[in-house]
């Protein structure tokens, strides 16, 4: 399937938010397909990129989103 089309068909599962070092960090967790998730990352409402997670559980994808908002990593 076309990657652009996949984004429009994604299911928004949840959002994670946190203020870290004076910046608002948030991540949106999308389900693209079974076992395929995407974490879209933002700092102060500026899109930083997306992290693709394939072949892992929903809990793993949620942990990745939390790691971003808590400042464990800056770029997806």
PDB file of N, CA and C in Angstrom:
ATOM      1  N   UNK A   1       0.833  -1.174   0.000  1.00  0.00           N
ATOM      2  CA  UNK A   1       0.000   0.000   0.000  1.00  0.00           C
ATOM      3  C   UNK A   1       0.885   1.248   0.000  1.00  0.00           C
ATOM      4  N   UNK A   2       0.446   2.289  -0.636  1.00  0.00           N
ATOM      5  CA  UNK A   2       1.139   3.559  -0.698  1.00  0.00           C
ATOM      6  C   UNK A   2       1.283   4.141   0.708  1.00  0.00           C
ATOM      7  N   UNK A   3       2.509   4.567   1.085  1.00  0.00           N
ATOM      8  CA  UNK A   3       2.761   5.073   2.431  1.00  0.00           C
ATOM      9  C   UNK A   3       1.941   6.317   2.747  1.00  0.00           C
ATOM     10  N   UNK A   4       1.734   7.192   1.784  1.00  0.00           N
ATOM     11  CA  UNK A   4       0.914   8.372   2.026  1.00  0.00           C
ATOM     12  C   UNK A   4      -0.533   7.966   2.327  1.00  0.00           C
ATOM     13  N   UNK A   5      -1.033   6.981   1.611  1.00  0.00           N
ATOM     14  CA  UNK A   5      -2.392   6.507   1.833  1.00  0.00           C
ATOM     15  C   UNK A   5      -2.517   5.875   3.215  1.00  0.00           C
ATOM     16  N   UNK A   6      -1.470   5.142   3.655  1.00  0.00           N
ATOM     17  CA  UNK A   6      -1.495   4.517   4.978  1.00  0.00           C
ATOM     18  C   UNK A   6      -1.719   5.541   6.072  1.00  0.00           C
ATOM     19  N   UNK A   7      -1.109   6.717   5.975  1.00  0.00           N
ATOM     20  CA  UNK A   7      -1.248   7.744   7.003  1.00  0.00           C
ATOM     21  C   UNK A   7      -2.695   8.200   7.143  1.00  0.00           C
ATOM     22  N   UNK A   8      -3.415   8.256   6.032  1.00  0.00           N
ATOM     23  CA  UNK A   8      -4.804   8.668   6.094  1.00  0.00           C
ATOM     24  C   UNK A   8      -5.694   7.573   6.663  1.00  0.00           C
ATOM     25  N   UNK A   9      -5.235   6.350   6.623  1.00  0.00           N
ATOM     26  CA  UNK A   9      -6.014   5.227   7.115  1.00  0.00           C
ATOM     27  C   UNK A   9      -5.631   4.844   8.538  1.00  0.00           C
ATOM     28  N   UNK A  10      -4.691   5.540   9.146  1.00  0.00           N
ATOM     29  CA  UNK A  10      -4.223   5.234  10.482  1.00  0.00           C
ATOM     30  C   UNK A  10      -5.295   5.545  11.519  1.00  0.00           C
ATOM     31  N   UNK A  11      -5.255   4.782  12.599  1.00  0.00           N
ATOM     32  CA  UNK A  11      -6.183   4.986  13.706  1.00  0.00           C
ATOM     33  C   UNK A  11      -5.441   5.687  14.841  1.00  0.00           C
ATOM     34  N   UNK A  12      -5.946   6.822  15.278  1.00  0.00           N
ATOM     35  CA  UNK A  12      -5.343   7.556  16.383  1.00  0.00           C
ATOM     36  C   UNK A  12      -5.679   6.827  17.680  1.00  0.00           C
ATOM     37  N   UNK A  13      -4.658   6.295  18.359  1.00  0.00           N
ATOM     38  CA  UNK A  13      -4.887   5.543  19.589  1.00  0.00           C
ATOM     39  C   UNK A  13      -4.831   6.416  20.829  1.00  0.00           C
ATOM     40  N   UNK A  14      -3.836   7.296  20.910  1.00  0.00           N
ATOM     41  CA  UNK A  14      -3.698   8.118  22.109  1.00  0.00           C
ATOM     42  C   UNK A  14      -2.671   9.213  21.902  1.00  0.00           C
ATOM     43  N   UNK A  15      -2.641  10.139  22.864  1.00  0.00           N
ATOM     44  CA  UNK A  15      -1.648  11.202  22.883  1.00  0.00           C
ATOM     45  C   UNK A  15      -0.967  11.198  24.241  1.00  0.00           C
ATOM     46  N   UNK A  16       0.292  11.571  24.237  1.00  0.00           N
ATOM     47  CA  UNK A  16       1.088  11.654  25.452  1.00  0.00           C
ATOM     48  C   UNK A  16       1.658  13.064  25.510  1.00  0.00           C
ATOM     49  N   UNK A  17       1.595  13.710  26.689  1.00  0.00           N
ATOM     50  CA  UNK A  17       2.071  15.087  26.823  1.00  0.00           C
ATOM     51  C   UNK A  17       2.891  15.240  28.096  1.00  0.00           C
ATOM     52  N   UNK A  18       3.894  16.134  28.015  1.00  0.00           N
ATOM     53  CA  UNK A  18       4.723  16.427  29.175  1.00  0.00           C
ATOM     54  C   UNK A  18       5.499  17.714  28.919  1.00  0.00           C
ATOM     55  N   UNK A  19       5.755  18.473  29.978  1.00  0.00           N
ATOM     56  CA  UNK A  19       6.660  19.614  29.906  1.00  0.00           C
ATOM     57  C   UNK A  19       8.013  19.140  30.420  1.00  0.00           C
ATOM     58  N   UNK A  20       9.038  19.302  29.586  1.00  0.00           N
ATOM     59  CA  UNK A  20      10.384  18.841  29.925  1.00  0.00           C
ATOM     60  C   UNK A  20      11.373  19.937  29.551  1.00  0.00           C
ATOM     61  N   UNK A  21      12.169  20.369  30.512  1.00  0.00           N
ATOM     62  CA  UNK A  21      13.153  21.439  30.284  1.00  0.00           C
ATOM     63  C   UNK A  21      12.519  22.690  29.678  1.00  0.00           C
ATOM     64  N   UNK A  22      11.319  23.024  30.145  1.00  0.00           N
ATOM     65  CA  UNK A  22      10.655  24.232  29.688  1.00  0.00           C
ATOM     66  C   UNK A  22      10.015  24.150  28.315  1.00  0.00           C
ATOM     67  N   UNK A  23       9.942  22.952  27.764  1.00  0.00           N
ATOM     68  CA  UNK A  23       9.341  22.774  26.437  1.00  0.00           C
ATOM     69  C   UNK A  23       8.189  21.781  26.532  1.00  0.00           C
ATOM     70  N   UNK A  24       7.134  22.085  25.782  1.00  0.00           N
ATOM     71  CA  UNK A  24       6.012  21.154  25.733  1.00  0.00           C
ATOM     72  C   UNK A  24       6.322  20.071  24.704  1.00  0.00           C
ATOM     73  N   UNK A  25       6.357  18.861  25.180  1.00  0.00           N
ATOM     74  CA  UNK A  25       6.618  17.712  24.297  1.00  0.00           C
ATOM     75  C   UNK A  25       5.353  16.876  24.249  1.00  0.00           C
ATOM     76  N   UNK A  26       4.980  16.464  23.054  1.00  0.00           N
ATOM     77  CA  UNK A  26       3.850  15.559  22.955  1.00  0.00           C
ATOM     78  C   UNK A  26       4.042  14.594  21.798  1.00  0.00           C
ATOM     79  N   UNK A  27       3.381  13.476  21.923  1.00  0.00           N
ATOM     80  CA  UNK A  27       3.476  12.424  20.912  1.00  0.00           C
ATOM     81  C   UNK A  27       2.082  11.878  20.652  1.00  0.00           C
ATOM     82  N   UNK A  28       1.837  11.597  19.407  1.00  0.00           N
ATOM     83  CA  UNK A  28       0.572  11.009  18.989  1.00  0.00           C
ATOM     84  C   UNK A  28       0.874   9.587  18.536  1.00  0.00           C
ATOM     85  N   UNK A  29       0.140   8.633  19.083  1.00  0.00           N
ATOM     86  CA  UNK A  29       0.341   7.229  18.738  1.00  0.00           C
ATOM     87  C   UNK A  29      -0.742   6.785  17.769  1.00  0.00           C
ATOM     88  N   UNK A  30      -0.303   6.303  16.612  1.00  0.00           N
ATOM     89  CA  UNK A  30      -1.218   5.835  15.575  1.00  0.00           C
ATOM     90  C   UNK A  30      -1.024   4.351  15.333  1.00  0.00           C
ATOM     91  N   UNK A  31      -2.102   3.661  15.038  1.00  0.00           N
ATOM     92  CA  UNK A  31      -2.031   2.264  14.604  1.00  0.00           C
ATOM     93  C   UNK A  31      -2.192   2.271  13.100  1.00  0.00           C
ATOM     94  N   UNK A  32      -1.149   1.850  12.400  1.00  0.00           N
ATOM     95  CA  UNK A  32      -1.152   1.860  10.939  1.00  0.00           C
ATOM     96  C   UNK A  32      -1.719   0.550  10.396  1.00  0.00           C
ATOM     97  N   UNK A  33      -1.338  -0.558  11.029  1.00  0.00           N
ATOM     98  CA  UNK A  33      -1.775  -1.898  10.642  1.00  0.00           C
ATOM     99  C   UNK A  33      -1.536  -2.803  11.845  1.00  0.00           C
ATOM    100  N   UNK A  34      -2.031  -4.021  11.826  1.00  0.00           N
ATOM    101  CA  UNK A  34      -1.753  -4.909  12.956  1.00  0.00           C
ATOM    102  C   UNK A  34      -0.237  -5.056  13.180  1.00  0.00           C
ATOM    103  N   UNK A  35       0.196  -4.754  14.392  1.00  0.00           N
ATOM    104  CA  UNK A  35       1.619  -4.857  14.725  1.00  0.00           C
ATOM    105  C   UNK A  35       2.479  -3.742  14.151  1.00  0.00           C
ATOM    106  N   UNK A  36       1.862  -2.706  13.584  1.00  0.00           N
ATOM    107  CA  UNK A  36       2.602  -1.583  12.998  1.00  0.00           C
ATOM    108  C   UNK A  36       2.027  -0.286  13.557  1.00  0.00           C
ATOM    109  N   UNK A  37       2.873   0.419  14.302  1.00  0.00           N
ATOM    110  CA  UNK A  37       2.476   1.668  14.941  1.00  0.00           C
ATOM    111  C   UNK A  37       3.386   2.796  14.476  1.00  0.00           C
ATOM    112  N   UNK A  38       2.913   4.019  14.659  1.00  0.00           N
ATOM    113  CA  UNK A  38       3.711   5.193  14.337  1.00  0.00           C
ATOM    114  C   UNK A  38       3.574   6.180  15.489  1.00  0.00           C
ATOM    115  N   UNK A  39       4.706   6.689  15.965  1.00  0.00           N
ATOM    116  CA  UNK A  39       4.718   7.709  16.999  1.00  0.00           C
ATOM    117  C   UNK A  39       5.121   9.019  16.328  1.00  0.00           C
ATOM    118  N   UNK A  40       4.198   9.972  16.271  1.00  0.00           N
ATOM    119  CA  UNK A  40       4.489  11.287  15.711  1.00  0.00           C
ATOM    120  C   UNK A  40       4.889  12.194  16.867  1.00  0.00           C
ATOM    121  N   UNK A  41       6.045  12.852  16.727  1.00  0.00           N
ATOM    122  CA  UNK A  41       6.651  13.589  17.828  1.00  0.00           C
ATOM    123  C   UNK A  41       6.657  15.091  17.582  1.00  0.00           C
ATOM    124  N   UNK A  42       6.331  15.855  18.626  1.00  0.00           N
ATOM    125  CA  UNK A  42       6.259  17.313  18.553  1.00  0.00           C
ATOM    126  C   UNK A  42       6.943  17.938  19.765  1.00  0.00           C
ATOM    127  N   UNK A  43       7.655  19.032  19.555  1.00  0.00           N
ATOM    128  CA  UNK A  43       8.204  19.843  20.638  1.00  0.00           C
ATOM    129  C   UNK A  43       7.710  21.261  20.396  1.00  0.00           C
ATOM    130  N   UNK A  44       7.023  21.830  21.398  1.00  0.00           N
ATOM    131  CA  UNK A  44       6.409  23.154  21.270  1.00  0.00           C
ATOM    132  C   UNK A  44       5.602  23.266  19.976  1.00  0.00           C
ATOM    133  N   UNK A  45       4.827  22.235  19.694  1.00  0.00           N
ATOM    134  CA  UNK A  45       3.940  22.153  18.525  1.00  0.00           C
ATOM    135  C   UNK A  45       4.665  22.193  17.190  1.00  0.00           C
ATOM    136  N   UNK A  46       5.964  21.903  17.183  1.00  0.00           N
ATOM    137  CA  UNK A  46       6.727  21.789  15.944  1.00  0.00           C
ATOM    138  C   UNK A  46       6.998  20.302  15.710  1.00  0.00           C
ATOM    139  N   UNK A  47       6.543  19.818  14.566  1.00  0.00           N
ATOM    140  CA  UNK A  47       6.707  18.399  14.216  1.00  0.00           C
ATOM    141  C   UNK A  47       8.182  18.044  14.115  1.00  0.00           C
ATOM    142  N   UNK A  48       8.594  16.996  14.843  1.00  0.00           N
ATOM    143  CA  UNK A  48       9.984  16.558  14.862  1.00  0.00           C
ATOM    144  C   UNK A  48      10.237  15.332  13.974  1.00  0.00           C
ATOM    145  N   UNK A  49       9.161  14.650  13.602  1.00  0.00           N
ATOM    146  CA  UNK A  49       9.286  13.446  12.788  1.00  0.00           C
ATOM    147  C   UNK A  49       8.478  12.321  13.400  1.00  0.00           C
ATOM    148  N   UNK A  50       8.552  11.168  12.771  1.00  0.00           N
ATOM    149  CA  UNK A  50       7.783  10.013  13.228  1.00  0.00           C
ATOM    150  C   UNK A  50       8.693   8.814  13.402  1.00  0.00           C
ATOM    151  N   UNK A  51       8.373   8.011  14.370  1.00  0.00           N
ATOM    152  CA  UNK A  51       9.105   6.770  14.626  1.00  0.00           C
ATOM    153  C   UNK A  51       8.189   5.611  14.265  1.00  0.00           C
ATOM    154  N   UNK A  52       8.648   4.758  13.374  1.00  0.00           N
ATOM    155  CA  UNK A  52       7.897   3.582  12.953  1.00  0.00           C
ATOM    156  C   UNK A  52       8.219   2.418  13.885  1.00  0.00           C
ATOM    157  N   UNK A  53       7.195   1.737  14.350  1.00  0.00           N
ATOM    158  CA  UNK A  53       7.385   0.584  15.229  1.00  0.00           C
ATOM    159  C   UNK A  53       6.632  -0.582  14.616  1.00  0.00           C
ATOM    160  N   UNK A  54       7.382  -1.573  14.175  1.00  0.00           N
ATOM    161  CA  UNK A  54       6.784  -2.735  13.507  1.00  0.00           C
ATOM    162  C   UNK A  54       7.176  -4.006  14.250  1.00  0.00           C
ATOM    163  N   UNK A  55       6.220  -4.911  14.353  1.00  0.00           N
ATOM    164  CA  UNK A  55       6.498  -6.206  14.954  1.00  0.00           C
ATOM    165  C   UNK A  55       6.606  -6.179  16.473  1.00  0.00           C
ATOM    166  N   UNK A  56       6.050  -5.163  17.093  1.00  0.00           N
ATOM    167  CA  UNK A  56       6.082  -5.059  18.550  1.00  0.00           C
ATOM    168  C   UNK A  56       4.660  -4.866  19.068  1.00  0.00           C
ATOM    169  N   UNK A  57       4.514  -4.964  20.358  1.00  0.00           N
ATOM    170  CA  UNK A  57       3.209  -4.837  20.993  1.00  0.00           C
ATOM    171  C   UNK A  57       2.789  -3.373  21.111  1.00  0.00           C
ATOM    172  N   UNK A  58       1.515  -3.189  21.432  1.00  0.00           N
ATOM    173  CA  UNK A  58       0.999  -1.856  21.705  1.00  0.00           C
ATOM    174  C   UNK A  58       1.736  -1.252  22.897  1.00  0.00           C
ATOM    175  N   UNK A  59       2.014  -2.043  23.918  1.00  0.00           N
ATOM    176  CA  UNK A  59       2.730  -1.541  25.101  1.00  0.00           C
ATOM    177  C   UNK A  59       4.108  -1.000  24.719  1.00  0.00           C
ATOM    178  N   UNK A  60       4.794  -1.679  23.833  1.00  0.00           N
ATOM    179  CA  UNK A  60       6.110  -1.223  23.358  1.00  0.00           C
ATOM    180  C   UNK A  60       5.980   0.141  22.671  1.00  0.00           C
ATOM    181  N   UNK A  61       4.953   0.295  21.831  1.00  0.00           N
ATOM    182  CA  UNK A  61       4.734   1.556  21.128  1.00  0.00           C
ATOM    183  C   UNK A  61       4.380   2.669  22.112  1.00  0.00           C
ATOM    184  N   UNK A  62       3.557   2.357  23.117  1.00  0.00           N
ATOM    185  CA  UNK A  62       3.224   3.351  24.141  1.00  0.00           C
ATOM    186  C   UNK A  62       4.466   3.766  24.919  1.00  0.00           C
ATOM    187  N   UNK A  63       5.314   2.817  25.237  1.00  0.00           N
ATOM    188  CA  UNK A  63       6.564   3.125  25.946  1.00  0.00           C
ATOM    189  C   UNK A  63       7.451   4.049  25.107  1.00  0.00           C
ATOM    190  N   UNK A  64       7.501   3.824  23.808  1.00  0.00           N
ATOM    191  CA  UNK A  64       8.298   4.679  22.921  1.00  0.00           C
ATOM    192  C   UNK A  64       7.760   6.113  22.929  1.00  0.00           C
ATOM    193  N   UNK A  65       6.443   6.261  22.904  1.00  0.00           N
ATOM    194  CA  UNK A  65       5.831   7.591  22.958  1.00  0.00           C
ATOM    195  C   UNK A  65       6.144   8.267  24.288  1.00  0.00           C
ATOM    196  N   UNK A  66       6.033   7.530  25.378  1.00  0.00           N
ATOM    197  CA  UNK A  66       6.352   8.078  26.698  1.00  0.00           C
ATOM    198  C   UNK A  66       7.821   8.478  26.788  1.00  0.00           C
ATOM    199  N   UNK A  67       8.695   7.674  26.237  1.00  0.00           N
ATOM    200  CA  UNK A  67      10.126   8.002  26.259  1.00  0.00           C
ATOM    201  C   UNK A  67      10.400   9.329  25.569  1.00  0.00           C
ATOM    202  N   UNK A  68       9.687   9.592  24.486  1.00  0.00           N
ATOM    203  CA  UNK A  68       9.880  10.868  23.802  1.00  0.00           C
ATOM    204  C   UNK A  68       9.403  12.026  24.674  1.00  0.00           C
ATOM    205  N   UNK A  69       8.201  11.942  25.217  1.00  0.00           N
ATOM    206  CA  UNK A  69       7.670  13.077  25.977  1.00  0.00           C
ATOM    207  C   UNK A  69       8.442  13.319  27.270  1.00  0.00           C
ATOM    208  N   UNK A  70       9.089  12.290  27.809  1.00  0.00           N
ATOM    209  CA  UNK A  70       9.890  12.454  29.021  1.00  0.00           C
ATOM    210  C   UNK A  70      11.339  12.823  28.718  1.00  0.00           C
ATOM    211  N   UNK A  71      11.673  13.017  27.430  1.00  0.00           N
ATOM    212  CA  UNK A  71      12.982  13.495  27.049  1.00  0.00           C
ATOM    213  C   UNK A  71      14.060  12.434  26.948  1.00  0.00           C
ATOM    214  N   UNK A  72      13.676  11.174  26.891  1.00  0.00           N
ATOM    215  CA  UNK A  72      14.669  10.093  26.746  1.00  0.00           C
ATOM    216  C   UNK A  72      15.362  10.197  25.389  1.00  0.00           C
ATOM    217  N   UNK A  73      14.626  10.578  24.372  1.00  0.00           N
ATOM    218  CA  UNK A  73      15.230  10.842  23.058  1.00  0.00           C
ATOM    219  C   UNK A  73      14.571  12.072  22.442  1.00  0.00           C
ATOM    220  N   UNK A  74      15.300  12.774  21.579  1.00  0.00           N
ATOM    221  CA  UNK A  74      14.799  14.004  20.967  1.00  0.00           C
ATOM    222  C   UNK A  74      14.302  13.819  19.545  1.00  0.00           C
ATOM    223  N   UNK A  75      14.946  13.005  18.777  1.00  0.00           N
ATOM    224  CA  UNK A  75      14.554  12.798  17.388  1.00  0.00           C
ATOM    225  C   UNK A  75      14.089  11.363  17.206  1.00  0.00           C
ATOM    226  N   UNK A  76      12.990  11.210  16.478  1.00  0.00           N
ATOM    227  CA  UNK A  76      12.504   9.844  16.220  1.00  0.00           C
ATOM    228  C   UNK A  76      13.478   9.028  15.381  1.00  0.00           C
TER     229      UNK A  76
END
